[in-house]
Each structure stands twice: as structure tokens, then as C-alpha cells.
Amino acid sequence: LVQPGGSLRLSCAASGFMFKLYAMNWYRQAPGKERELVAGISSS
């Protein structure tokens, strides 16, 4: 929970695959809405 104007840092810990070989993405889904792409990053 954060106030407007605030900041948060999300983390995603991956295991079970060669993480460094894959592009990764963050998506989000708000109540009553479709899941949407937030950001993506290449493997490197």
C-alpha cells in the first residue's frame, strides 16, 4: 500500500530455467480490466 506520488520496487525471483537466456516482462491486471503489459526487458 502506497500513497499517490510514492514509490515501490517489485522483484521477481526466477528458478527452474536458464534465466539469462530469456526476455522477461511485467504485466498488471486491475479489477475488472484485462491484463496489460507494463514493461519488458531483453535477456541481456
ModelCIF file with pLDDT and N, C-alpha, C, O atoms, coordinates in Angstrom:
data_MODEL
#
_entry.id   MODEL 
#
_entity.id                         1 
_entity.type                       polymer 
_entity.pdbx_number_of_molecules   1 
#
_entity_poly.entity_id                      1 
_entity_poly.type                           'polypeptide(L)' 
_entity_poly.nstd_linkage                   no 
_entity_poly.nstd_monomer                   no 
_entity_poly.pdbx_seq_one_letter_code       LVQPGGSLRLSCAASGFMFKLYAMNWYRQAPGKERELVAGISSS 
_entity_poly.pdbx_seq_one_letter_code_can   LVQPGGSLRLSCAASGFMFKLYAMNWYRQAPGKERELVAGISSS 
_entity_poly.pdbx_strand_id                 A 
#
loop_
_entity_poly_seq.entity_id 
_entity_poly_seq.num 
_entity_poly_seq.mon_id 
_entity_poly_seq.hetero 
1 1  LEU n 
1 2  VAL n 
1 3  GLN n 
1 4  PRO n 
1 5  GLY n 
1 6  GLY n 
1 7  SER n 
1 8  LEU n 
1 9  ARG n 
1 10 LEU n 
1 11 SER n 
1 12 CYS n 
1 13 ALA n 
1 14 ALA n 
1 15 SER n 
1 16 GLY n 
1 17 PHE n 
1 18 MET n 
1 19 PHE n 
1 20 LYS n 
1 21 LEU n 
1 22 TYR n 
1 23 ALA n 
1 24 MET n 
1 25 ASN n 
1 26 TRP n 
1 27 TYR n 
1 28 ARG n 
1 29 GLN n 
1 30 ALA n 
1 31 PRO n 
1 32 GLY n 
1 33 LYS n 
1 34 GLU n 
1 35 ARG n 
1 36 GLU n 
1 37 LEU n 
1 38 VAL n 
1 39 ALA n 
1 40 GLY n 
1 41 ILE n 
1 42 SER n 
1 43 SER n 
1 44 SER n 
#
_struct_asym.id          A 
_struct_asym.entity_id   1 
#
loop_
_ma_qa_metric.id 
_ma_qa_metric.mode 
_ma_qa_metric.name 
_ma_qa_metric.software_group_id 
_ma_qa_metric.type 
1 global pLDDT . pLDDT 
2 local  pLDDT . pLDDT 
#
_ma_qa_metric_global.metric_id      1 
_ma_qa_metric_global.metric_value   97.11 
_ma_qa_metric_global.model_id       1 
_ma_qa_metric_global.ordinal_id     1 
#
loop_
_ma_qa_metric_local.label_asym_id 
_ma_qa_metric_local.label_comp_id 
_ma_qa_metric_local.label_seq_id 
_ma_qa_metric_local.metric_id 
_ma_qa_metric_local.metric_value 
_ma_qa_metric_local.model_id 
_ma_qa_metric_local.ordinal_id 
A LEU 1  2 98.00 1 1  
A VAL 2  2 98.00 1 2  
A GLN 3  2 98.00 1 3  
A PRO 4  2 97.00 1 4  
A GLY 5  2 97.00 1 5  
A GLY 6  2 98.00 1 6  
A SER 7  2 98.00 1 7  
A LEU 8  2 98.00 1 8  
A ARG 9  2 98.00 1 9  
A LEU 10 2 98.00 1 10 
A SER 11 2 98.00 1 11 
A CYS 12 2 98.00 1 12 
A ALA 13 2 98.00 1 13 
A ALA 14 2 98.00 1 14 
A SER 15 2 97.00 1 15 
A GLY 16 2 96.00 1 16 
A PHE 17 2 96.00 1 17 
A MET 18 2 96.00 1 18 
A PHE 19 2 97.00 1 19 
A LYS 20 2 97.00 1 20 
A LEU 21 2 97.00 1 21 
A TYR 22 2 98.00 1 22 
A ALA 23 2 98.00 1 23 
A MET 24 2 98.00 1 24 
A ASN 25 2 98.00 1 25 
A TRP 26 2 98.00 1 26 
A TYR 27 2 98.00 1 27 
A ARG 28 2 98.00 1 28 
A GLN 29 2 98.00 1 29 
A ALA 30 2 96.00 1 30 
A PRO 31 2 91.00 1 31 
A GLY 32 2 94.00 1 32 
A LYS 33 2 96.00 1 33 
A GLU 34 2 96.00 1 34 
A ARG 35 2 96.00 1 35 
A GLU 36 2 96.00 1 36 
A LEU 37 2 97.00 1 37 
A VAL 38 2 97.00 1 38 
A ALA 39 2 98.00 1 39 
A GLY 40 2 97.00 1 40 
A ILE 41 2 98.00 1 41 
A SER 42 2 98.00 1 42 
A SER 43 2 97.00 1 43 
A SER 44 2 96.00 1 44 
#
loop_
_atom_site.group_PDB 
_atom_site.id 
_atom_site.type_symbol 
_atom_site.label_atom_id 
_atom_site.label_alt_id 
_atom_site.label_comp_id 
_atom_site.label_asym_id 
_atom_site.label_entity_id 
_atom_site.label_seq_id 
_atom_site.pdbx_PDB_ins_code 
_atom_site.Cartn_x 
_atom_site.Cartn_y 
_atom_site.Cartn_z 
_atom_site.occupancy 
_atom_site.B_iso_or_equiv 
_atom_site.pdbx_formal_charge 
_atom_site.auth_seq_id 
_atom_site.auth_comp_id 
_atom_site.auth_asym_id 
_atom_site.auth_atom_id 
_atom_site.pdbx_PDB_model_num 
ATOM 1   N N  . LEU A 1 1  ? 0.849   -1.181  0.000   1.00 98.00 ? 1  LEU A N  1 
ATOM 2   C CA . LEU A 1 1  ? 0.000   0.000   0.000   1.00 98.00 ? 1  LEU A CA 1 
ATOM 3   C C  . LEU A 1 1  ? 0.891   1.239   0.000   1.00 98.00 ? 1  LEU A C  1 
ATOM 4   O O  . LEU A 1 1  ? 1.802   1.352   0.820   1.00 98.00 ? 1  LEU A O  1 
ATOM 5   N N  . VAL A 1 2  ? 0.628   2.171   -0.921  1.00 98.00 ? 2  VAL A N  1 
ATOM 6   C CA . VAL A 1 2  ? 1.455   3.356   -1.027  1.00 98.00 ? 2  VAL A CA 1 
ATOM 7   C C  . VAL A 1 2  ? 0.568   4.548   -1.381  1.00 98.00 ? 2  VAL A C  1 
ATOM 8   O O  . VAL A 1 2  ? -0.468  4.394   -2.027  1.00 98.00 ? 2  VAL A O  1 
ATOM 9   N N  . GLN A 1 3  ? 0.986   5.732   -0.951  1.00 98.00 ? 3  GLN A N  1 
ATOM 10  C CA . GLN A 1 3  ? 0.230   6.941   -1.267  1.00 98.00 ? 3  GLN A CA 1 
ATOM 11  C C  . GLN A 1 3  ? 0.553   7.424   -2.679  1.00 98.00 ? 3  GLN A C  1 
ATOM 12  O O  . GLN A 1 3  ? 1.625   7.125   -3.206  1.00 98.00 ? 3  GLN A O  1 
ATOM 13  N N  . PRO A 1 4  ? -0.356  8.158   -3.288  1.00 97.00 ? 4  PRO A N  1 
ATOM 14  C CA . PRO A 1 4  ? -0.055  8.749   -4.608  1.00 97.00 ? 4  PRO A CA 1 
ATOM 15  C C  . PRO A 1 4  ? 1.233   9.557   -4.554  1.00 97.00 ? 4  PRO A C  1 
ATOM 16  O O  . PRO A 1 4  ? 1.487   10.296  -3.602  1.00 97.00 ? 4  PRO A O  1 
ATOM 17  N N  . GLY A 1 5  ? 2.036   9.399   -5.595  1.00 97.00 ? 5  GLY A N  1 
ATOM 18  C CA . GLY A 1 5  ? 3.330   10.047  -5.648  1.00 97.00 ? 5  GLY A CA 1 
ATOM 19  C C  . GLY A 1 5  ? 4.453   9.224   -5.056  1.00 97.00 ? 5  GLY A C  1 
ATOM 20  O O  . GLY A 1 5  ? 5.625   9.574   -5.193  1.00 97.00 ? 5  GLY A O  1 
ATOM 21  N N  . GLY A 1 6  ? 4.104   8.137   -4.404  1.00 98.00 ? 6  GLY A N  1 
ATOM 22  C CA . GLY A 1 6  ? 5.105   7.294   -3.773  1.00 98.00 ? 6  GLY A CA 1 
ATOM 23  C C  . GLY A 1 6  ? 5.778   6.330   -4.735  1.00 98.00 ? 6  GLY A C  1 
ATOM 24  O O  . GLY A 1 6  ? 5.515   6.336   -5.938  1.00 98.00 ? 6  GLY A O  1 
ATOM 25  N N  . SER A 1 7  ? 6.651   5.501   -4.177  1.00 98.00 ? 7  SER A N  1 
ATOM 26  C CA . SER A 1 7  ? 7.431   4.564   -4.978  1.00 98.00 ? 7  SER A CA 1 
ATOM 27  C C  . SER A 1 7  ? 7.380   3.166   -4.379  1.00 98.00 ? 7  SER A C  1 
ATOM 28  O O  . SER A 1 7  ? 7.194   2.992   -3.174  1.00 98.00 ? 7  SER A O  1 
ATOM 29  N N  . LEU A 1 8  ? 7.546   2.189   -5.237  1.00 98.00 ? 8  LEU A N  1 
ATOM 30  C CA . LEU A 1 8  ? 7.693   0.798   -4.831  1.00 98.00 ? 8  LEU A CA 1 
ATOM 31  C C  . LEU A 1 8  ? 8.673   0.135   -5.781  1.00 98.00 ? 8  LEU A C  1 
ATOM 32  O O  . LEU A 1 8  ? 8.802   0.534   -6.939  1.00 98.00 ? 8  LEU A O  1 
ATOM 33  N N  . ARG A 1 9  ? 9.358   -0.877  -5.282  1.00 98.00 ? 9  ARG A N  1 
ATOM 34  C CA . ARG A 1 9  ? 10.228  -1.690  -6.121  1.00 98.00 ? 9  ARG A CA 1 
ATOM 35  C C  . ARG A 1 9  ? 9.770   -3.132  -6.030  1.00 98.00 ? 9  ARG A C  1 
ATOM 36  O O  . ARG A 1 9  ? 9.824   -3.747  -4.966  1.00 98.00 ? 9  ARG A O  1 
ATOM 37  N N  . LEU A 1 10 ? 9.321   -3.662  -7.148  1.00 98.00 ? 10 LEU A N  1 
ATOM 38  C CA . LEU A 1 10 ? 8.920   -5.060  -7.213  1.00 98.00 ? 10 LEU A CA 1 
ATOM 39  C C  . LEU A 1 10 ? 10.090  -5.924  -7.641  1.00 98.00 ? 10 LEU A C  1 
ATOM 40  O O  . LEU A 1 10 ? 10.948  -5.501  -8.416  1.00 98.00 ? 10 LEU A O  1 
ATOM 41  N N  . SER A 1 11 ? 10.110  -7.139  -7.124  1.00 98.00 ? 11 SER A N  1 
ATOM 42  C CA . SER A 1 11 ? 11.126  -8.117  -7.509  1.00 98.00 ? 11 SER A CA 1 
ATOM 43  C C  . SER A 1 11 ? 10.433  -9.388  -7.976  1.00 98.00 ? 11 SER A C  1 
ATOM 44  O O  . SER A 1 11 ? 9.339   -9.721  -7.520  1.00 98.00 ? 11 SER A O  1 
ATOM 45  N N  . CYS A 1 12 ? 11.077  -10.079 -8.878  1.00 98.00 ? 12 CYS A N  1 
ATOM 46  C CA . CYS A 1 12 ? 10.604  -11.387 -9.333  1.00 98.00 ? 12 CYS A CA 1 
ATOM 47  C C  . CYS A 1 12 ? 11.801  -12.332 -9.342  1.00 98.00 ? 12 CYS A C  1 
ATOM 48  O O  . CYS A 1 12 ? 12.714  -12.190 -10.157 1.00 98.00 ? 12 CYS A O  1 
ATOM 49  N N  . ALA A 1 13 ? 11.785  -13.284 -8.437  1.00 98.00 ? 13 ALA A N  1 
ATOM 50  C CA . ALA A 1 13 ? 12.847  -14.285 -8.349  1.00 98.00 ? 13 ALA A CA 1 
ATOM 51  C C  . ALA A 1 13 ? 12.486  -15.480 -9.206  1.00 98.00 ? 13 ALA A C  1 
ATOM 52  O O  . ALA A 1 13 ? 11.427  -16.083 -9.033  1.00 98.00 ? 13 ALA A O  1 
ATOM 53  N N  . ALA A 1 14 ? 13.368  -15.818 -10.131 1.00 98.00 ? 14 ALA A N  1 
ATOM 54  C CA . ALA A 1 14 ? 13.111  -16.890 -11.090 1.00 98.00 ? 14 ALA A CA 1 
ATOM 55  C C  . ALA A 1 14 ? 13.969  -18.119 -10.786 1.00 98.00 ? 14 ALA A C  1 
ATOM 56  O O  . ALA A 1 14 ? 15.100  -17.997 -10.316 1.00 98.00 ? 14 ALA A O  1 
ATOM 57  N N  . SER A 1 15 ? 13.423  -19.290 -11.057 1.00 97.00 ? 15 SER A N  1 
ATOM 58  C CA . SER A 1 15 ? 14.174  -20.520 -10.886 1.00 97.00 ? 15 SER A CA 1 
ATOM 59  C C  . SER A 1 15 ? 13.615  -21.582 -11.816 1.00 97.00 ? 15 SER A C  1 
ATOM 60  O O  . SER A 1 15 ? 12.492  -21.465 -12.307 1.00 97.00 ? 15 SER A O  1 
ATOM 61  N N  . GLY A 1 16 ? 14.411  -22.625 -12.054 1.00 96.00 ? 16 GLY A N  1 
ATOM 62  C CA . GLY A 1 16 ? 13.947  -23.757 -12.847 1.00 96.00 ? 16 GLY A CA 1 
ATOM 63  C C  . GLY A 1 16 ? 14.155  -23.623 -14.341 1.00 96.00 ? 16 GLY A C  1 
ATOM 64  O O  . GLY A 1 16 ? 13.719  -24.484 -15.104 1.00 96.00 ? 16 GLY A O  1 
ATOM 65  N N  . PHE A 1 17 ? 14.816  -22.555 -14.774 1.00 96.00 ? 17 PHE A N  1 
ATOM 66  C CA . PHE A 1 17 ? 15.117  -22.391 -16.201 1.00 96.00 ? 17 PHE A CA 1 
ATOM 67  C C  . PHE A 1 17 ? 16.333  -21.478 -16.336 1.00 96.00 ? 17 PHE A C  1 
ATOM 68  O O  . PHE A 1 17 ? 16.767  -20.860 -15.364 1.00 96.00 ? 17 PHE A O  1 
ATOM 69  N N  . MET A 1 18 ? 16.880  -21.399 -17.561 1.00 96.00 ? 18 MET A N  1 
ATOM 70  C CA . MET A 1 18 ? 18.077  -20.587 -17.802 1.00 96.00 ? 18 MET A CA 1 
ATOM 71  C C  . MET A 1 18 ? 17.654  -19.123 -17.950 1.00 96.00 ? 18 MET A C  1 
ATOM 72  O O  . MET A 1 18 ? 17.454  -18.612 -19.052 1.00 96.00 ? 18 MET A O  1 
ATOM 73  N N  . PHE A 1 19 ? 17.528  -18.484 -16.809 1.00 97.00 ? 19 PHE A N  1 
ATOM 74  C CA . PHE A 1 19 ? 17.012  -17.121 -16.732 1.00 97.00 ? 19 PHE A CA 1 
ATOM 75  C C  . PHE A 1 19 ? 17.711  -16.187 -17.712 1.00 97.00 ? 19 PHE A C  1 
ATOM 76  O O  . PHE A 1 19 ? 17.054  -15.382 -18.373 1.00 97.00 ? 19 PHE A O  1 
ATOM 77  N N  . LYS A 1 20 ? 19.018  -16.283 -17.811 1.00 97.00 ? 20 LYS A N  1 
ATOM 78  C CA . LYS A 1 20 ? 19.780  -15.317 -18.600 1.00 97.00 ? 20 LYS A CA 1 
ATOM 79  C C  . LYS A 1 20 ? 19.506  -15.420 -20.098 1.00 97.00 ? 20 LYS A C  1 
ATOM 80  O O  . LYS A 1 20 ? 19.933  -14.553 -20.861 1.00 97.00 ? 20 LYS A O  1 
ATOM 81  N N  . LEU A 1 21 ? 18.807  -16.456 -20.529 1.00 97.00 ? 21 LEU A N  1 
ATOM 82  C CA . LEU A 1 21 ? 18.525  -16.647 -21.946 1.00 97.00 ? 21 LEU A CA 1 
ATOM 83  C C  . LEU A 1 21 ? 17.192  -16.051 -22.393 1.00 97.00 ? 21 LEU A C  1 
ATOM 84  O O  . LEU A 1 21 ? 16.903  -16.000 -23.589 1.00 97.00 ? 21 LEU A O  1 
ATOM 85  N N  . TYR A 1 22 ? 16.381  -15.601 -21.434 1.00 98.00 ? 22 TYR A N  1 
ATOM 86  C CA . TYR A 1 22 ? 15.022  -15.210 -21.771 1.00 98.00 ? 22 TYR A CA 1 
ATOM 87  C C  . TYR A 1 22 ? 14.731  -13.746 -21.481 1.00 98.00 ? 22 TYR A C  1 
ATOM 88  O O  . TYR A 1 22 ? 15.142  -13.203 -20.456 1.00 98.00 ? 22 TYR A O  1 
ATOM 89  N N  . ALA A 1 23 ? 14.010  -13.117 -22.411 1.00 98.00 ? 23 ALA A N  1 
ATOM 90  C CA . ALA A 1 23 ? 13.422  -11.824 -22.119 1.00 98.00 ? 23 ALA A CA 1 
ATOM 91  C C  . ALA A 1 23 ? 12.368  -12.002 -21.032 1.00 98.00 ? 23 ALA A C  1 
ATOM 92  O O  . ALA A 1 23 ? 11.720  -13.044 -20.942 1.00 98.00 ? 23 ALA A O  1 
ATOM 93  N N  . MET A 1 24 ? 12.208  -10.978 -20.216 1.00 98.00 ? 24 MET A N  1 
ATOM 94  C CA . MET A 1 24 ? 11.257  -11.033 -19.115 1.00 98.00 ? 24 MET A CA 1 
ATOM 95  C C  . MET A 1 24 ? 10.312  -9.840  -19.202 1.00 98.00 ? 24 MET A C  1 
ATOM 96  O O  . MET A 1 24 ? 10.653  -8.791  -19.748 1.00 98.00 ? 24 MET A O  1 
ATOM 97  N N  . ASN A 1 25 ? 9.134   -10.025 -18.659 1.00 98.00 ? 25 ASN A N  1 
ATOM 98  C CA . ASN A 1 25 ? 8.115   -8.981  -18.725 1.00 98.00 ? 25 ASN A CA 1 
ATOM 99  C C  . ASN A 1 25 ? 7.430   -8.792  -17.378 1.00 98.00 ? 25 ASN A C  1 
ATOM 100 O O  . ASN A 1 25 ? 7.387   -9.702  -16.549 1.00 98.00 ? 25 ASN A O  1 
ATOM 101 N N  . TRP A 1 26 ? 6.903   -7.604  -17.182 1.00 98.00 ? 26 TRP A N  1 
ATOM 102 C CA . TRP A 1 26 ? 5.962   -7.338  -16.101 1.00 98.00 ? 26 TRP A CA 1 
ATOM 103 C C  . TRP A 1 26 ? 4.620   -6.976  -16.735 1.00 98.00 ? 26 TRP A C  1 
ATOM 104 O O  . TRP A 1 26 ? 4.549   -6.156  -17.651 1.00 98.00 ? 26 TRP A O  1 
ATOM 105 N N  . TYR A 1 27 ? 3.563   -7.603  -16.230 1.00 98.00 ? 27 TYR A N  1 
ATOM 106 C CA . TYR A 1 27 ? 2.200   -7.282  -16.603 1.00 98.00 ? 27 TYR A CA 1 
ATOM 107 C C  . TYR A 1 27 ? 1.460   -6.831  -15.353 1.00 98.00 ? 27 TYR A C  1 
ATOM 108 O O  . TYR A 1 27 ? 1.940   -7.004  -14.232 1.00 98.00 ? 27 TYR A O  1 
ATOM 109 N N  . ARG A 1 28 ? 0.286   -6.252  -15.561 1.00 98.00 ? 28 ARG A N  1 
ATOM 110 C CA . ARG A 1 28 ? -0.573  -5.934  -14.424 1.00 98.00 ? 28 ARG A CA 1 
ATOM 111 C C  . ARG A 1 28 ? -2.035  -6.129  -14.812 1.00 98.00 ? 28 ARG A C  1 
ATOM 112 O O  . ARG A 1 28 ? -2.404  -6.070  -15.985 1.00 98.00 ? 28 ARG A O  1 
ATOM 113 N N  . GLN A 1 29 ? -2.852  -6.362  -13.789 1.00 98.00 ? 29 GLN A N  1 
ATOM 114 C CA . GLN A 1 29 ? -4.280  -6.520  -14.006 1.00 98.00 ? 29 GLN A CA 1 
ATOM 115 C C  . GLN A 1 29 ? -5.030  -5.809  -12.897 1.00 98.00 ? 29 GLN A C  1 
ATOM 116 O O  . GLN A 1 29 ? -4.932  -6.167  -11.723 1.00 98.00 ? 29 GLN A O  1 
ATOM 117 N N  . ALA A 1 30 ? -5.772  -4.805  -13.292 1.00 96.00 ? 30 ALA A N  1 
ATOM 118 C CA . ALA A 1 30 ? -6.604  -4.068  -12.345 1.00 96.00 ? 30 ALA A CA 1 
ATOM 119 C C  . ALA A 1 30 ? -7.975  -4.733  -12.264 1.00 96.00 ? 30 ALA A C  1 
ATOM 120 O O  . ALA A 1 30 ? -8.368  -5.440  -13.191 1.00 96.00 ? 30 ALA A O  1 
ATOM 121 N N  . PRO A 1 31 ? -8.703  -4.521  -11.180 1.00 91.00 ? 31 PRO A N  1 
ATOM 122 C CA . PRO A 1 31 ? -10.026 -5.129  -11.031 1.00 91.00 ? 31 PRO A CA 1 
ATOM 123 C C  . PRO A 1 31 ? -10.938 -4.789  -12.205 1.00 91.00 ? 31 PRO A C  1 
ATOM 124 O O  . PRO A 1 31 ? -11.098 -3.621  -12.559 1.00 91.00 ? 31 PRO A O  1 
ATOM 125 N N  . GLY A 1 32 ? -11.528 -5.810  -12.800 1.00 94.00 ? 32 GLY A N  1 
ATOM 126 C CA . GLY A 1 32 ? -12.464 -5.604  -13.889 1.00 94.00 ? 32 GLY A CA 1 
ATOM 127 C C  . GLY A 1 32 ? -11.837 -5.259  -15.214 1.00 94.00 ? 32 GLY A C  1 
ATOM 128 O O  . GLY A 1 32 ? -12.545 -4.931  -16.166 1.00 94.00 ? 32 GLY A O  1 
ATOM 129 N N  . LYS A 1 33 ? -10.510 -5.327  -15.299 1.00 96.00 ? 33 LYS A N  1 
ATOM 130 C CA . LYS A 1 33 ? -9.830  -4.975  -16.542 1.00 96.00 ? 33 LYS A CA 1 
ATOM 131 C C  . LYS A 1 33 ? -9.001  -6.135  -17.048 1.00 96.00 ? 33 LYS A C  1 
ATOM 132 O O  . LYS A 1 33 ? -8.717  -7.090  -16.325 1.00 96.00 ? 33 LYS A O  1 
ATOM 133 N N  . GLU A 1 34 ? -8.616  -6.025  -18.328 1.00 96.00 ? 34 GLU A N  1 
ATOM 134 C CA . GLU A 1 34 ? -7.758  -7.029  -18.939 1.00 96.00 ? 34 GLU A CA 1 
ATOM 135 C C  . GLU A 1 34 ? -6.333  -6.885  -18.400 1.00 96.00 ? 34 GLU A C  1 
ATOM 136 O O  . GLU A 1 34 ? -5.916  -5.805  -17.983 1.00 96.00 ? 34 GLU A O  1 
ATOM 137 N N  . ARG A 1 35 ? -5.598  -8.003  -18.418 1.00 96.00 ? 35 ARG A N  1 
ATOM 138 C CA . ARG A 1 35 ? -4.193  -7.946  -18.067 1.00 96.00 ? 35 ARG A CA 1 
ATOM 139 C C  . ARG A 1 35 ? -3.461  -7.177  -19.160 1.00 96.00 ? 35 ARG A C  1 
ATOM 140 O O  . ARG A 1 35 ? -3.716  -7.384  -20.346 1.00 96.00 ? 35 ARG A O  1 
ATOM 141 N N  . GLU A 1 36 ? -2.543  -6.280  -18.759 1.00 96.00 ? 36 GLU A N  1 
ATOM 142 C CA . GLU A 1 36 ? -1.833  -5.463  -19.732 1.00 96.00 ? 36 GLU A CA 1 
ATOM 143 C C  . GLU A 1 36 ? -0.336  -5.499  -19.475 1.00 96.00 ? 36 GLU A C  1 
ATOM 144 O O  . GLU A 1 36 ? 0.121   -5.646  -18.341 1.00 96.00 ? 36 GLU A O  1 
ATOM 145 N N  . LEU A 1 37 ? 0.420   -5.361  -20.571 1.00 97.00 ? 37 LEU A N  1 
ATOM 146 C CA . LEU A 1 37 ? 1.872   -5.308  -20.471 1.00 97.00 ? 37 LEU A CA 1 
ATOM 147 C C  . LEU A 1 37 ? 2.300   -3.994  -19.834 1.00 97.00 ? 37 LEU A C  1 
ATOM 148 O O  . LEU A 1 37 ? 1.820   -2.922  -20.203 1.00 97.00 ? 37 LEU A O  1 
ATOM 149 N N  . VAL A 1 38 ? 3.207   -4.094  -18.873 1.00 97.00 ? 38 VAL A N  1 
ATOM 150 C CA . VAL A 1 38 ? 3.773   -2.913  -18.237 1.00 97.00 ? 38 VAL A CA 1 
ATOM 151 C C  . VAL A 1 38 ? 5.133   -2.594  -18.849 1.00 97.00 ? 38 VAL A C  1 
ATOM 152 O O  . VAL A 1 38 ? 5.380   -1.472  -19.291 1.00 97.00 ? 38 VAL A O  1 
ATOM 153 N N  . ALA A 1 39 ? 6.007   -3.590  -18.869 1.00 98.00 ? 39 ALA A N  1 
ATOM 154 C CA . ALA A 1 39 ? 7.367   -3.378  -19.362 1.00 98.00 ? 39 ALA A CA 1 
ATOM 155 C C  . ALA A 1 39 ? 8.001   -4.710  -19.712 1.00 98.00 ? 39 ALA A C  1 
ATOM 156 O O  . ALA A 1 39 ? 7.604   -5.755  -19.195 1.00 98.00 ? 39 ALA A O  1 
ATOM 157 N N  . GLY A 1 40 ? 8.985   -4.666  -20.593 1.00 97.00 ? 40 GLY A N  1 
ATOM 158 C CA . GLY A 1 40 ? 9.742   -5.852  -20.952 1.00 97.00 ? 40 GLY A CA 1 
ATOM 159 C C  . GLY A 1 40 ? 11.218  -5.530  -21.008 1.00 97.00 ? 40 GLY A C  1 
ATOM 160 O O  . GLY A 1 40 ? 11.609  -4.376  -21.187 1.00 97.00 ? 40 GLY A O  1 
ATOM 161 N N  . ILE A 1 41 ? 12.043  -6.566  -20.851 1.00 98.00 ? 41 ILE A N  1 
ATOM 162 C CA . ILE A 1 41 ? 13.494  -6.386  -20.884 1.00 98.00 ? 41 ILE A CA 1 
ATOM 163 C C  . ILE A 1 41 ? 14.102  -7.586  -21.597 1.00 98.00 ? 41 ILE A C  1 
ATOM 164 O O  . ILE A 1 41 ? 13.674  -8.723  -21.400 1.00 98.00 ? 41 ILE A O  1 
ATOM 165 N N  . SER A 1 42 ? 15.102  -7.320  -22.425 1.00 98.00 ? 42 SER A N  1 
ATOM 166 C CA . SER A 1 42 ? 15.758  -8.381  -23.171 1.00 98.00 ? 42 SER A CA 1 
ATOM 167 C C  . SER A 1 42 ? 16.576  -9.277  -22.244 1.00 98.00 ? 42 SER A C  1 
ATOM 168 O O  . SER A 1 42 ? 16.774  -8.964  -21.070 1.00 98.00 ? 42 SER A O  1 
ATOM 169 N N  . SER A 1 43 ? 17.041  -10.381 -22.787 1.00 97.00 ? 43 SER A N  1 
ATOM 170 C CA . SER A 1 43 ? 17.764  -11.355 -21.964 1.00 97.00 ? 43 SER A CA 1 
ATOM 171 C C  . SER A 1 43 ? 19.033  -10.757 -21.347 1.00 97.00 ? 43 SER A C  1 
ATOM 172 O O  . SER A 1 43 ? 19.391  -11.085 -20.216 1.00 97.00 ? 43 SER A O  1 
ATOM 173 N N  . SER A 1 44 ? 19.699  -9.895  -22.081 1.00 96.00 ? 44 SER A N  1 
ATOM 174 C CA . SER A 1 44 ? 20.933  -9.281  -21.568 1.00 96.00 ? 44 SER A CA 1 
ATOM 175 C C  . SER A 1 44 ? 20.670  -8.056  -20.705 1.00 96.00 ? 44 SER A C  1 
ATOM 176 O O  . SER A 1 44 ? 21.611  -7.439  -20.206 1.00 96.00 ? 44 SER A O  1 
#
